[in-house]
Each structure stands twice: as structure tokens, then as C-alpha cells.
Amino acid sequence: MLGLHADTGYLLYRLGLRSGQLFNTSLQESGLRLRHYALLRFLAGSEGALQRELSARLGYDPSAIVGLVDDLERLGFAERRPAPGDRRSRVVVLTEAGRAFLKSTEAAGERVTDDLLAPLDPAERDTLHALLRRVAEAGLG
């Protein structure tokens, strides 16, 4: 009997926790956490976003987004700029320092993935990634 390991949802949850722990450890020196990194990665793929958009896309509470953006601004990794067409709103954008920081973390991210997926060969890793991406796109928007 496999117990909890028979439950796919539980396995995904546990692997997500472990991935977060490993990645947080690799970010420890910078003072950032995985939540900061996720926000930076999102901004890197966009022209900027309103805080409410960040909250919706990342699944974080709006009050958490405020603190995360404050942290990233303090480090010079992101900045709030006036939103085009709406003087009351601010768009959060990635700075060059933020891009440089992301680049510096690429190797750490690869190590975390390698550690987690060590039992799988490259073809299995590709298959797992494709399946997880399909599930995430359908379930997370």
C-alpha cells in the first residue's frame, strides 16, 4: 500500500514544498524568497503589470504583493511607474538590476531542478515538464 504516495495531488504538493525549500535556500544570501523570484520572473516576461494583475496572475493576496514589490523596489530590482492612461494607477516594471539578478540565479534554479528530478532521464524530464505545463495552463489560467 502506497498511502499518501498514491495521491497525485499530495505528491505535487510535497514536491512543490521541497522545490520551494531548496530554492529559498539558494536565495537566502540575497534576502529574497521564492515569492520574490516568482514576481521577478513574471515581470521579466511582461512590459510591467498593475499590482492587482500581479495578485491575480501569481495567486498571491493583494496585501502580499504590496510588500513583495516594496522589497524589490528597496533592492532596485523593480519600480512602480505611472500607468499609461490612468494617473491613479502604478505599473510595476523590472529594472536592469532585476534582470541581472534573475540571470545570476539561473544556475541555482537549474541545480534545484536537477536535485528534484535526479531519478528521471532527460526524456522523462521533458515529458514531465510538458504534462505539468498542460495541467498548469488548464488549472491556473
Protein backbone atom coordinates (compact mmCIF):
# COMPACT_ATOMS: atom_id res chain seq x y z
CA MET A 1 0.00 0.00 0.00
CA LEU A 2 1.38 3.38 -1.01
CA GLY A 3 -0.58 5.57 1.42
CA LEU A 4 -0.18 9.24 0.61
CA HIS A 5 2.13 8.45 -2.31
CA ALA A 6 -0.91 7.04 -4.12
CA ASP A 7 -2.40 10.55 -4.21
CA THR A 8 -1.07 12.61 -7.13
CA GLY A 9 -2.23 15.88 -5.59
CA TYR A 10 -0.31 15.15 -2.41
CA LEU A 11 2.83 14.27 -4.38
CA LEU A 12 2.61 17.54 -6.31
CA TYR A 13 2.11 19.42 -3.04
CA ARG A 14 5.12 17.77 -1.37
CA LEU A 15 7.36 18.26 -4.40
CA GLY A 16 6.28 21.91 -4.57
CA LEU A 17 7.18 22.36 -0.92
CA ARG A 18 10.56 20.69 -1.40
CA SER A 19 11.28 22.74 -4.50
CA GLY A 20 10.43 25.92 -2.59
CA GLN A 21 12.67 24.92 0.32
CA LEU A 22 15.62 24.19 -1.96
CA PHE A 23 15.14 27.38 -3.94
CA ASN A 24 14.66 29.53 -0.83
CA THR A 25 17.95 28.13 0.49
CA SER A 26 19.70 29.14 -2.74
CA LEU A 27 18.20 32.65 -2.49
CA GLN A 28 18.98 33.04 1.22
CA GLU A 29 22.09 35.16 0.72
CA SER A 30 20.15 37.73 -1.32
CA GLY A 31 17.48 38.07 1.37
CA LEU A 32 14.77 37.16 -1.12
CA ARG A 33 12.35 34.24 -1.16
CA LEU A 34 10.71 32.21 -3.90
CA ARG A 35 7.71 34.58 -3.91
CA HIS A 36 10.01 37.48 -4.84
CA TYR A 37 11.64 35.36 -7.53
CA ALA A 38 8.27 34.38 -9.00
CA LEU A 39 7.25 38.03 -9.19
CA LEU A 40 10.54 38.94 -10.87
CA ARG A 41 10.15 36.10 -13.38
CA PHE A 42 6.63 37.25 -14.21
CA LEU A 43 7.80 40.84 -14.72
CA ALA A 44 10.67 39.64 -16.93
CA GLY A 45 8.12 38.23 -19.35
CA SER A 46 5.97 41.35 -19.44
CA GLU A 47 6.13 45.07 -20.06
CA GLY A 48 5.03 45.59 -16.46
CA ALA A 49 1.80 44.96 -14.60
CA LEU A 50 -0.57 46.60 -12.17
CA GLN A 51 -0.33 45.20 -8.64
CA ARG A 52 -3.86 43.76 -8.90
CA GLU A 53 -2.78 41.94 -12.09
CA LEU A 54 0.25 40.52 -10.28
CA SER A 55 -2.00 39.32 -7.48
CA ALA A 56 -4.37 37.60 -9.91
CA ARG A 57 -1.68 36.04 -12.11
CA LEU A 58 0.56 34.81 -9.29
CA GLY A 59 -2.25 33.83 -6.93
CA TYR A 60 -0.92 35.97 -4.09
CA ASP A 61 -3.04 38.07 -1.75
CA PRO A 62 -3.02 41.74 -2.83
CA SER A 63 -1.52 42.80 0.51
CA ALA A 64 1.35 40.35 -0.03
CA ILE A 65 2.05 41.86 -3.45
CA VAL A 66 2.45 45.31 -1.88
CA GLY A 67 5.14 44.01 0.49
CA LEU A 68 6.92 42.00 -2.19
CA VAL A 69 7.05 44.97 -4.55
CA ASP A 70 8.26 47.18 -1.69
CA ASP A 71 11.09 44.71 -1.06
CA LEU A 72 12.04 44.57 -4.74
CA GLU A 73 11.95 48.37 -5.04
CA ARG A 74 14.20 48.71 -2.00
CA LEU A 75 16.74 46.45 -3.73
CA GLY A 76 16.39 48.29 -7.03
CA PHE A 77 15.02 45.20 -8.81
CA ALA A 78 11.61 46.69 -9.67
CA GLU A 79 9.95 50.05 -9.70
CA ARG A 80 6.46 51.48 -9.77
CA ARG A 81 5.72 53.81 -12.67
CA PRO A 82 2.58 55.75 -13.57
CA ALA A 83 0.20 53.61 -15.63
CA PRO A 84 -0.38 54.91 -19.14
CA GLY A 85 -3.82 56.46 -19.33
CA ASP A 86 -4.52 56.28 -15.58
CA ARG A 87 -2.64 58.65 -13.30
CA ARG A 88 -4.01 56.94 -10.19
CA SER A 89 -2.58 53.52 -11.04
CA ARG A 90 1.03 52.37 -10.94
CA VAL A 91 2.62 49.73 -13.14
CA VAL A 92 5.36 47.56 -11.62
CA VAL A 93 8.28 47.05 -14.00
CA LEU A 94 11.51 45.09 -13.81
CA THR A 95 14.71 47.14 -13.71
CA GLU A 96 18.05 46.26 -15.28
CA ALA A 97 19.29 45.31 -11.80
CA GLY A 98 16.31 42.95 -11.51
CA ARG A 99 17.18 41.36 -14.86
CA ALA A 100 20.79 40.94 -13.75
CA PHE A 101 19.67 39.33 -10.50
CA LEU A 102 17.46 36.86 -12.39
CA LYS A 103 20.38 35.99 -14.66
CA SER A 104 22.56 35.35 -11.60
CA THR A 105 20.00 32.88 -10.21
CA GLU A 106 19.68 30.72 -13.34
CA ALA A 107 22.31 28.20 -12.23
CA ALA A 108 20.72 27.87 -8.78
CA GLY A 109 17.34 27.18 -10.38
CA GLU A 110 18.87 24.53 -12.60
CA ARG A 111 20.53 22.88 -9.59
CA VAL A 112 17.22 22.75 -7.71
CA THR A 113 15.52 21.17 -10.72
CA ASP A 114 18.39 18.72 -11.17
CA ASP A 115 18.22 17.71 -7.50
CA LEU A 116 14.46 17.17 -7.60
CA LEU A 117 14.42 15.33 -10.91
CA ALA A 118 17.62 13.29 -10.44
CA PRO A 119 15.74 9.95 -10.73
CA LEU A 120 14.48 10.87 -14.23
CA ASP A 121 16.34 10.69 -17.52
CA PRO A 122 16.22 13.70 -19.89
CA ALA A 123 13.29 12.34 -21.93
CA GLU A 124 11.28 11.70 -18.76
CA ARG A 125 12.04 15.23 -17.54
CA ASP A 126 10.79 16.68 -20.82
CA THR A 127 7.62 14.59 -20.63
CA LEU A 128 7.00 15.58 -17.01
CA HIS A 129 7.51 19.25 -17.84
CA ALA A 130 5.12 19.09 -20.79
CA LEU A 131 2.44 17.36 -18.72
CA LEU A 132 2.80 19.73 -15.76
CA ARG A 133 2.67 22.72 -18.07
CA ARG A 134 -0.53 21.46 -19.70
CA VAL A 135 -2.16 20.89 -16.29
CA ALA A 136 -0.97 24.29 -15.02
CA GLU A 137 -2.25 26.12 -18.10
CA ALA A 138 -5.65 24.47 -17.75
CA GLY A 139 -5.91 24.82 -13.99
CA LEU A 140 -4.08 28.06 -13.24
CA GLY A 141 -5.05 30.18 -16.22
